[in-house]
Amino acid sequence: MLSTVSFERIDLVMSTVTIVFAVLQLLSGLALTVIVLMQSGKSAGLSGAISGGAETFLSKGKAKTLDAKLAKATKWFALAFVLLTLILNLVG
């Protein structure tokens, strides 16, 4: 049988893990906000996305632009934020 001391140690470890994941989630949320705000606005709106989106998507130099790098970083930070949210929900 486990003593109460081991249960207290488990609670301490779990709370430490929860704090670490919460800090990581906070940092990823802040980074995601900053990255989204740094992206340039698309003035064409929905009509530009439908009609002219294929031209910019298929261009060879798009992967090297700052907007493309920011869009890629947005996807990764959003994925990290969602995963950290799910982990915090399961741990907490």
C-alpha atoms as a PDB file:
ATOM      1  CA  MET A   1       0.000   0.000   0.000  1.00  0.00           C
ATOM      2  CA  LEU A   2       1.096   3.501  -0.748  1.00  0.00           C
ATOM      3  CA  SER A   3       1.592   5.931   2.061  1.00  0.00           C
ATOM      4  CA  THR A   4       0.284   9.482   2.102  1.00  0.00           C
ATOM      5  CA  VAL A   5       3.832  10.757   1.595  1.00  0.00           C
ATOM      6  CA  SER A   6       4.005   9.143  -1.852  1.00  0.00           C
ATOM      7  CA  PHE A   7       0.608  10.633  -2.764  1.00  0.00           C
ATOM      8  CA  GLU A   8       1.865  14.076  -1.745  1.00  0.00           C
ATOM      9  CA  ARG A   9       4.946  13.587  -3.910  1.00  0.00           C
ATOM     10  CA  ILE A  10       2.775  12.563  -6.862  1.00  0.00           C
ATOM     11  CA  ASP A  11       0.622  15.670  -6.364  1.00  0.00           C
ATOM     12  CA  LEU A  12       3.750  17.844  -6.248  1.00  0.00           C
ATOM     13  CA  VAL A  13       5.098  16.327  -9.462  1.00  0.00           C
ATOM     14  CA  MET A  14       1.737  16.686 -11.212  1.00  0.00           C
ATOM     15  CA  SER A  15       1.397  20.297 -10.144  1.00  0.00           C
ATOM     16  CA  THR A  16       4.932  20.997 -11.385  1.00  0.00           C
ATOM     17  CA  VAL A  17       4.128  19.384 -14.732  1.00  0.00           C
ATOM     18  CA  THR A  18       0.914  21.386 -14.930  1.00  0.00           C
ATOM     19  CA  ILE A  19       2.777  24.632 -14.241  1.00  0.00           C
ATOM     20  CA  VAL A  20       5.408  23.846 -16.890  1.00  0.00           C
ATOM     21  CA  PHE A  21       2.757  23.079 -19.507  1.00  0.00           C
ATOM     22  CA  ALA A  22       0.771  26.187 -18.540  1.00  0.00           C
ATOM     23  CA  VAL A  23       3.847  28.396 -18.978  1.00  0.00           C
ATOM     24  CA  LEU A  24       4.578  26.771 -22.348  1.00  0.00           C
ATOM     25  CA  GLN A  25       0.978  27.339 -23.393  1.00  0.00           C
ATOM     26  CA  LEU A  26       1.171  30.983 -22.344  1.00  0.00           C
ATOM     27  CA  LEU A  27       4.369  31.503 -24.329  1.00  0.00           C
ATOM     28  CA  SER A  28       2.983  29.771 -27.414  1.00  0.00           C
ATOM     29  CA  GLY A  29      -0.183  31.858 -27.205  1.00  0.00           C
ATOM     30  CA  LEU A  30       1.797  35.069 -26.970  1.00  0.00           C
ATOM     31  CA  ALA A  31       4.059  34.016 -29.841  1.00  0.00           C
ATOM     32  CA  LEU A  32       1.028  33.083 -31.936  1.00  0.00           C
ATOM     33  CA  THR A  33      -0.543  36.490 -31.295  1.00  0.00           C
ATOM     34  CA  VAL A  34       2.636  38.355 -32.221  1.00  0.00           C
ATOM     35  CA  ILE A  35       3.162  36.292 -35.382  1.00  0.00           C
ATOM     36  CA  VAL A  36      -0.411  36.841 -36.558  1.00  0.00           C
ATOM     37  CA  LEU A  37      -0.121  40.584 -35.953  1.00  0.00           C
ATOM     38  CA  MET A  38       3.147  40.728 -37.894  1.00  0.00           C
ATOM     39  CA  GLN A  39       1.568  39.266 -41.032  1.00  0.00           C
ATOM     40  CA  SER A  40       0.537  41.668 -43.758  1.00  0.00           C
ATOM     41  CA  GLY A  41      -3.140  42.120 -44.476  1.00  0.00           C
ATOM     42  CA  LYS A  42      -4.708  40.644 -47.537  1.00  0.00           C
ATOM     43  CA  SER A  43      -6.559  43.579 -49.095  1.00  0.00           C
ATOM     44  CA  ALA A  44      -8.211  41.477 -51.797  1.00  0.00           C
ATOM     45  CA  GLY A  45     -10.415  39.693 -49.308  1.00  0.00           C
ATOM     46  CA  LEU A  46     -12.436  36.627 -50.228  1.00  0.00           C
ATOM     47  CA  SER A  47     -12.658  37.426 -53.935  1.00  0.00           C
ATOM     48  CA  GLY A  48      -8.871  37.632 -54.193  1.00  0.00           C
ATOM     49  CA  ALA A  49      -8.502  34.331 -52.417  1.00  0.00           C
ATOM     50  CA  ILE A  50     -10.787  32.621 -54.912  1.00  0.00           C
ATOM     51  CA  SER A  51      -9.608  34.186 -58.155  1.00  0.00           C
ATOM     52  CA  GLY A  52      -5.963  35.062 -57.610  1.00  0.00           C
ATOM     53  CA  GLY A  53      -4.953  32.622 -54.926  1.00  0.00           C
ATOM     54  CA  ALA A  54      -3.604  30.024 -57.324  1.00  0.00           C
ATOM     55  CA  GLU A  55      -1.135  32.459 -58.850  1.00  0.00           C
ATOM     56  CA  THR A  56       0.505  33.340 -55.550  1.00  0.00           C
ATOM     57  CA  PHE A  57       0.325  29.767 -54.282  1.00  0.00           C
ATOM     58  CA  LEU A  58       2.126  28.362 -57.280  1.00  0.00           C
ATOM     59  CA  SER A  59       4.806  31.032 -57.514  1.00  0.00           C
ATOM     60  CA  LYS A  60       8.321  29.753 -56.906  1.00  0.00           C
ATOM     61  CA  GLY A  61       9.548  32.587 -54.690  1.00  0.00           C
ATOM     62  CA  LYS A  62       6.679  32.435 -52.216  1.00  0.00           C
ATOM     63  CA  ALA A  63       8.437  30.077 -49.824  1.00  0.00           C
ATOM     64  CA  LYS A  64      11.240  32.590 -49.311  1.00  0.00           C
ATOM     65  CA  THR A  65       9.125  35.617 -48.385  1.00  0.00           C
ATOM     66  CA  LEU A  66       8.594  36.840 -44.857  1.00  0.00           C
ATOM     67  CA  ASP A  67       4.833  36.322 -45.123  1.00  0.00           C
ATOM     68  CA  ALA A  68       5.340  32.682 -46.067  1.00  0.00           C
ATOM     69  CA  LYS A  69       7.666  32.137 -43.120  1.00  0.00           C
ATOM     70  CA  LEU A  70       5.208  33.826 -40.780  1.00  0.00           C
ATOM     71  CA  ALA A  71       2.352  31.697 -42.153  1.00  0.00           C
ATOM     72  CA  LYS A  72       4.389  28.551 -41.556  1.00  0.00           C
ATOM     73  CA  ALA A  73       5.272  29.664 -38.025  1.00  0.00           C
ATOM     74  CA  THR A  74       1.601  30.424 -37.384  1.00  0.00           C
ATOM     75  CA  LYS A  75       0.662  26.856 -38.248  1.00  0.00           C
ATOM     76  CA  TRP A  76       3.305  25.366 -35.954  1.00  0.00           C
ATOM     77  CA  PHE A  77       2.553  27.632 -33.008  1.00  0.00           C
ATOM     78  CA  ALA A  78      -1.183  27.032 -33.418  1.00  0.00           C
ATOM     79  CA  LEU A  79      -0.566  23.288 -33.410  1.00  0.00           C
ATOM     80  CA  ALA A  80       1.596  23.593 -30.291  1.00  0.00           C
ATOM     81  CA  PHE A  81      -1.066  25.710 -28.579  1.00  0.00           C
ATOM     82  CA  VAL A  82      -3.812  23.189 -29.336  1.00  0.00           C
ATOM     83  CA  LEU A  83      -1.691  20.239 -28.196  1.00  0.00           C
ATOM     84  CA  LEU A  84      -0.716  22.002 -24.980  1.00  0.00           C
ATOM     85  CA  THR A  85      -4.366  22.815 -24.329  1.00  0.00           C
ATOM     86  CA  LEU A  86      -5.325  19.167 -24.738  1.00  0.00           C
ATOM     87  CA  ILE A  87      -2.452  18.010 -22.520  1.00  0.00           C
ATOM     88  CA  LEU A  88      -3.391  20.510 -19.820  1.00  0.00           C
ATOM     89  CA  ASN A  89      -6.978  19.317 -19.986  1.00  0.00           C
ATOM     90  CA  LEU A  90      -5.875  15.706 -19.485  1.00  0.00           C
ATOM     91  CA  VAL A  91      -3.266  16.413 -16.772  1.00  0.00           C
ATOM     92  CA  GLY A  92      -5.243  18.985 -14.819  1.00  0.00           C
END
